Amino acid sequence: MTANELVGKVKNLPPVSHAALKLVSLLDQPAISNEDIVQVLKCDNVLTAKLLRACNSPYFGLEESVSSVDQAVLMLGHQQILHIVLTLAFGGAMALPLPGYAIESTELWRHSITTATAAEIMAGGAIIMNVDGPVAFTVGLLHDIGKLVMSQALTPEFQALIRERVAQRGISRSEAEQEILGTDHAAVGAVLLQSWRLPDDIVEAVANHHQPPLEPQPRLSAVTYVANCVSHLAGSAPGWEGYAIRADDNVAEALGLSAGQIEELVAEVTGALTKVDQFMTMA
């Protein structure tokens, strides 16, 4: 079965705001102005209302109430607005339980926000790649979105076979999915993002987040790979997948990260988990 076939068969994936997708599509442009963001968000009344409610929540603790999108972008900045919009747009779907992965409610969502946090920290740190923080946050948030589709295809029989391959042969969850189903959640997620017309670098990062190419130079998928591993090491591992993650030191080295820097990153992300849990309440 191919990734395209699986995405074509999906039945009950919740709809995603066109305004949120448009906002993500703007990330590959050289510069995004506040006015660009305001105009996109004003096209979605429901998302705008949710955004304003989130901006006025205790999480931000603003002294002045926010009454318009223009004011929200001005007060919080477009990077923070992107965080909120993506949380509102995808949180409902990604916070659902996924029986095919033995993932309980909010587990995948917490892992996704934690990975997004790790990726954004990396983008602002010492990696040799020049990665924009909003782009890094976005790919971290969406890297496992293919599981929403794959979960529907994972019958108890398939689940048992995948676990058996992982346990007996020591391969990764992604490799076991490919052997049993002919594709994996990373490929499925990439097809889904392509259907939403998201930027190619974001699609690449999701498609290859378990096996990032390093030649001729590392790409965004390498950042996503390390951020995902860091998220697991920080204690955010949905379902039983934490036992099926394989870390490749070559990826971190290709980004210019030493073992000591990875340890520091894990500690920083672990320290941010309380904030992650608070952020989840906005979805």
Protein backbone atom coordinates (compact mmCIF):
# COMPACT_ATOMS: atom_id res chain seq x y z
CA MET A 1 0.00 0.00 0.00
CA THR A 2 1.36 3.44 -0.88
CA ALA A 3 1.23 6.65 1.14
CA ASN A 4 -1.00 8.22 -1.51
CA GLU A 5 -3.45 5.33 -1.27
CA LEU A 6 -3.65 5.63 2.50
CA VAL A 7 -4.26 9.37 2.41
CA GLY A 8 -6.90 8.83 -0.28
CA LYS A 9 -8.76 6.39 1.94
CA VAL A 10 -8.80 8.50 5.10
CA LYS A 11 -12.38 9.13 6.22
CA ASN A 12 -12.64 11.22 9.34
CA LEU A 13 -9.59 13.48 9.53
CA PRO A 14 -10.83 16.78 10.99
CA PRO A 15 -10.68 19.73 8.58
CA VAL A 16 -7.85 22.21 8.97
CA SER A 17 -8.31 25.97 8.73
CA HIS A 18 -7.38 27.29 5.29
CA ALA A 19 -6.13 30.45 6.98
CA ALA A 20 -3.71 28.42 9.12
CA LEU A 21 -2.42 26.55 6.06
CA LYS A 22 -2.01 29.81 4.18
CA LEU A 23 -0.04 31.22 7.07
CA VAL A 24 2.30 28.22 7.00
CA SER A 25 2.69 28.58 3.22
CA LEU A 26 3.98 32.12 3.78
CA LEU A 27 6.95 30.79 5.76
CA ASP A 28 9.03 30.16 2.63
CA GLN A 29 8.84 33.81 1.65
CA PRO A 30 11.87 36.06 2.38
CA ALA A 31 9.97 38.24 4.84
CA ILE A 32 6.50 38.14 6.34
CA SER A 33 5.00 41.43 7.42
CA ASN A 34 2.50 41.87 10.22
CA GLU A 35 0.01 43.07 7.63
CA ASP A 36 0.38 39.81 5.65
CA ILE A 37 -0.51 37.81 8.75
CA VAL A 38 -3.42 40.05 9.68
CA GLN A 39 -4.97 39.79 6.22
CA VAL A 40 -4.74 35.97 6.25
CA LEU A 41 -6.25 35.58 9.70
CA LYS A 42 -9.11 37.97 9.02
CA CYS A 43 -10.40 35.50 6.41
CA ASP A 44 -11.31 33.00 9.16
CA ASN A 45 -13.76 34.38 11.71
CA VAL A 46 -13.74 31.25 13.86
CA LEU A 47 -9.95 31.11 14.04
CA THR A 48 -9.84 34.84 14.77
CA ALA A 49 -12.23 34.45 17.70
CA LYS A 50 -10.19 31.56 19.12
CA LEU A 51 -6.98 33.53 18.64
CA LEU A 52 -8.29 36.53 20.55
CA ARG A 53 -9.55 34.30 23.36
CA ALA A 54 -6.11 32.65 23.59
CA CYS A 55 -4.31 36.00 23.58
CA ASN A 56 -6.46 37.14 26.50
CA SER A 57 -5.86 33.97 28.50
CA PRO A 58 -3.81 33.93 31.74
CA TYR A 59 -1.03 32.12 29.84
CA PHE A 60 0.18 35.41 28.35
CA GLY A 61 -0.76 37.63 31.28
CA LEU A 62 -1.16 40.75 29.15
CA GLU A 63 -2.08 43.88 31.10
CA GLU A 64 -4.10 45.21 28.18
CA SER A 65 -6.92 43.16 26.66
CA VAL A 66 -6.55 42.23 22.98
CA SER A 67 -9.57 43.09 20.86
CA SER A 68 -8.33 42.71 17.26
CA VAL A 69 -5.97 40.61 15.14
CA ASP A 70 -3.94 43.71 14.34
CA GLN A 71 -3.45 44.36 18.05
CA ALA A 72 -2.61 40.71 18.75
CA VAL A 73 0.13 40.63 16.12
CA LEU A 74 1.51 43.97 17.29
CA MET A 75 1.61 42.97 20.97
CA LEU A 76 2.83 39.38 20.67
CA GLY A 77 4.75 39.40 17.38
CA HIS A 78 4.13 37.20 14.39
CA GLN A 79 6.26 34.31 15.70
CA GLN A 80 4.12 33.93 18.82
CA ILE A 81 0.96 34.37 16.75
CA LEU A 82 2.08 31.53 14.48
CA HIS A 83 2.53 29.30 17.55
CA ILE A 84 -0.99 30.09 18.73
CA VAL A 85 -2.61 29.68 15.30
CA LEU A 86 -0.96 26.31 14.68
CA THR A 87 -1.94 25.14 18.14
CA LEU A 88 -5.56 26.14 17.53
CA ALA A 89 -5.61 24.69 14.00
CA PHE A 90 -4.08 21.28 14.71
CA GLY A 91 -4.55 20.72 18.44
CA GLY A 92 -8.06 19.33 18.20
CA ALA A 93 -7.09 16.57 15.77
CA MET A 94 -3.71 15.72 17.28
CA ALA A 95 -5.01 15.56 20.85
CA LEU A 96 -7.32 12.65 20.03
CA PRO A 97 -6.42 9.08 21.07
CA LEU A 98 -4.88 6.95 18.32
CA PRO A 99 -5.69 3.29 18.99
CA GLY A 100 -3.47 2.13 16.13
CA TYR A 101 -0.46 3.49 17.99
CA ALA A 102 -1.69 2.80 21.54
CA ILE A 103 -1.57 6.56 22.07
CA GLU A 104 -3.91 8.05 24.65
CA SER A 105 -5.56 11.47 24.46
CA THR A 106 -3.09 14.40 24.30
CA GLU A 107 0.03 12.16 24.20
CA LEU A 108 0.80 12.82 20.53
CA TRP A 109 -0.06 16.51 20.91
CA ARG A 110 2.29 16.91 23.88
CA HIS A 111 5.07 15.12 21.99
CA SER A 112 4.49 17.33 18.94
CA ILE A 113 4.67 20.60 20.90
CA THR A 114 7.74 19.35 22.75
CA THR A 115 9.43 18.47 19.46
CA ALA A 116 8.47 21.88 18.07
CA THR A 117 10.01 23.52 21.14
CA ALA A 118 13.24 21.53 20.69
CA ALA A 119 13.42 22.39 16.99
CA GLU A 120 12.91 26.09 17.66
CA ILE A 121 15.61 26.09 20.35
CA MET A 122 17.97 24.42 17.88
CA ALA A 123 17.17 27.01 15.23
CA GLY A 124 18.23 29.76 17.60
CA GLY A 125 21.33 27.92 18.78
CA ALA A 126 24.64 26.61 17.55
CA ILE A 127 23.66 24.35 14.63
CA ILE A 128 25.51 25.07 11.39
CA MET A 129 22.28 25.40 9.39
CA ASN A 130 20.45 28.70 9.07
CA VAL A 131 16.86 27.78 10.00
CA ASP A 132 14.10 30.24 10.81
CA GLY A 133 12.52 29.67 14.22
CA PRO A 134 8.91 29.64 12.92
CA VAL A 135 9.80 27.07 10.26
CA ALA A 136 11.55 24.84 12.81
CA PHE A 137 8.60 25.11 15.19
CA THR A 138 6.18 24.21 12.39
CA VAL A 139 7.97 21.06 11.24
CA GLY A 140 8.39 19.93 14.83
CA LEU A 141 4.69 20.37 15.42
CA LEU A 142 3.66 18.54 12.23
CA HIS A 143 6.34 15.83 11.98
CA ASP A 144 4.04 13.02 13.19
CA ILE A 145 0.82 14.20 11.56
CA GLY A 146 0.85 11.13 9.32
CA LYS A 147 -0.07 9.06 12.37
CA LEU A 148 -3.58 10.52 12.22
CA VAL A 149 -4.00 8.70 8.90
CA MET A 150 -1.90 5.61 9.66
CA SER A 151 -3.78 4.88 12.86
CA GLN A 152 -6.88 4.12 10.80
CA ALA A 153 -4.97 1.49 8.78
CA LEU A 154 -3.29 -0.19 11.76
CA THR A 155 -5.53 -3.12 12.59
CA PRO A 156 -4.72 -5.18 15.70
CA GLU A 157 -3.06 -7.72 13.39
CA PHE A 158 -0.79 -5.09 11.82
CA GLN A 159 0.00 -3.66 15.24
CA ALA A 160 1.08 -7.06 16.51
CA LEU A 161 3.28 -7.69 13.47
CA ILE A 162 4.96 -4.29 13.80
CA ARG A 163 5.69 -4.79 17.48
CA GLU A 164 7.05 -8.24 16.74
CA ARG A 165 9.47 -6.88 14.12
CA VAL A 166 10.66 -4.13 16.47
CA ALA A 167 11.14 -6.49 19.40
CA GLN A 168 12.73 -9.42 17.56
CA ARG A 169 14.88 -7.61 15.01
CA GLY A 170 15.64 -4.36 16.78
CA ILE A 171 14.48 -2.21 13.89
CA SER A 172 12.75 1.15 14.28
CA ARG A 173 8.99 1.64 14.32
CA SER A 174 9.23 3.42 10.97
CA GLU A 175 11.15 0.55 9.37
CA ALA A 176 8.64 -1.98 10.71
CA GLU A 177 5.74 0.05 9.25
CA GLN A 178 7.44 0.03 5.86
CA GLU A 179 7.95 -3.73 5.94
CA ILE A 180 4.38 -4.52 7.02
CA LEU A 181 2.36 -1.82 5.22
CA GLY A 182 4.66 -0.73 2.40
CA THR A 183 4.93 2.82 3.77
CA ASP A 184 5.32 4.65 7.06
CA HIS A 185 3.76 7.57 8.92
CA ALA A 186 6.50 9.96 7.74
CA ALA A 187 5.72 9.33 4.07
CA VAL A 188 1.99 9.52 4.74
CA GLY A 189 2.42 12.81 6.59
CA ALA A 190 4.40 14.25 3.68
CA VAL A 191 1.67 13.32 1.21
CA LEU A 192 -0.92 14.92 3.47
CA LEU A 193 1.08 18.16 3.70
CA GLN A 194 1.59 18.14 -0.07
CA SER A 195 -2.16 17.91 -0.53
CA TRP A 196 -2.42 21.03 1.64
CA ARG A 197 0.18 22.74 -0.59
CA LEU A 198 2.63 23.47 2.20
CA PRO A 199 6.21 24.55 1.33
CA ASP A 200 8.54 21.89 -0.06
CA ASP A 201 11.09 22.23 2.75
CA ILE A 202 8.41 21.48 5.35
CA VAL A 203 7.20 18.48 3.34
CA GLU A 204 10.79 17.22 3.07
CA ALA A 205 11.34 17.60 6.79
CA VAL A 206 8.28 15.50 7.61
CA ALA A 207 8.99 12.89 4.93
CA ASN A 208 12.56 12.24 6.11
CA HIS A 209 12.39 12.94 9.83
CA HIS A 210 13.41 9.35 10.65
CA GLN A 211 16.08 8.99 7.93
CA PRO A 212 17.36 12.46 7.03
CA PRO A 213 19.75 12.75 4.05
CA LEU A 214 23.07 14.32 5.04
CA GLU A 215 24.67 14.71 1.61
CA PRO A 216 25.62 17.02 0.04
CA GLN A 217 24.54 18.84 3.22
CA PRO A 218 21.94 18.27 5.94
CA ARG A 219 18.45 19.60 5.30
CA LEU A 220 15.54 20.61 7.52
CA SER A 221 14.73 16.93 8.11
CA ALA A 222 17.99 16.60 10.07
CA VAL A 223 16.84 19.31 12.50
CA THR A 224 13.48 17.55 12.84
CA TYR A 225 15.19 14.21 13.44
CA VAL A 226 17.31 15.53 16.29
CA ALA A 227 14.41 17.49 17.79
CA ASN A 228 12.27 14.33 17.76
CA CYS A 229 15.01 12.33 19.51
CA VAL A 230 15.49 15.11 22.07
CA SER A 231 11.75 15.15 22.73
CA HIS A 232 11.82 11.42 23.50
CA LEU A 233 14.89 11.80 25.72
CA ALA A 234 13.14 14.63 27.58
CA GLY A 235 10.34 12.26 28.50
CA SER A 236 7.75 12.99 25.82
CA ALA A 237 7.33 9.62 24.11
CA PRO A 238 3.79 8.80 22.92
CA GLY A 239 2.56 5.23 23.32
CA TRP A 240 5.25 2.56 23.35
CA GLU A 241 7.25 4.22 20.57
CA GLY A 242 9.94 5.41 22.93
CA TYR A 243 11.27 1.87 22.82
CA ALA A 244 11.46 1.93 19.01
CA ILE A 245 13.47 5.13 18.46
CA ARG A 246 16.97 4.74 17.06
CA ALA A 247 19.31 7.74 17.36
CA ASP A 248 22.09 8.25 14.81
CA ASP A 249 24.97 10.34 16.13
CA ASN A 250 25.99 11.17 12.56
CA VAL A 251 22.94 13.41 12.17
CA ALA A 252 23.80 15.53 15.19
CA GLU A 253 27.43 15.72 14.06
CA ALA A 254 26.33 16.88 10.60
CA LEU A 255 24.53 19.78 12.30
CA GLY A 256 27.63 20.62 14.32
CA LEU A 257 26.16 19.41 17.62
CA SER A 258 28.38 17.67 20.15
CA ALA A 259 27.20 15.10 22.69
CA GLY A 260 27.47 17.76 25.37
CA GLN A 261 25.29 20.17 23.40
CA ILE A 262 22.66 17.45 22.93
CA GLU A 263 22.64 16.87 26.69
CA GLU A 264 22.17 20.61 27.26
CA LEU A 265 19.35 20.67 24.73
CA VAL A 266 17.61 17.74 26.44
CA ALA A 267 17.91 19.54 29.79
CA GLU A 268 16.51 22.78 28.33
CA VAL A 269 13.57 20.99 26.72
CA THR A 270 12.89 19.01 29.90
CA GLY A 271 12.76 22.29 31.77
CA ALA A 272 10.24 23.63 29.26
CA LEU A 273 7.73 20.79 29.69
CA THR A 274 5.64 22.70 32.23
CA LYS A 275 5.27 25.52 29.73
CA VAL A 276 4.41 22.97 27.04
CA ASP A 277 1.60 21.60 29.21
CA GLN A 278 0.24 25.10 29.75
CA PHE A 279 0.45 25.87 26.04
CA MET A 280 -1.58 22.76 25.22
CA THR A 281 -4.62 24.18 27.01
CA MET A 282 -5.13 26.73 24.25
CA ALA A 283 -6.10 24.10 21.67
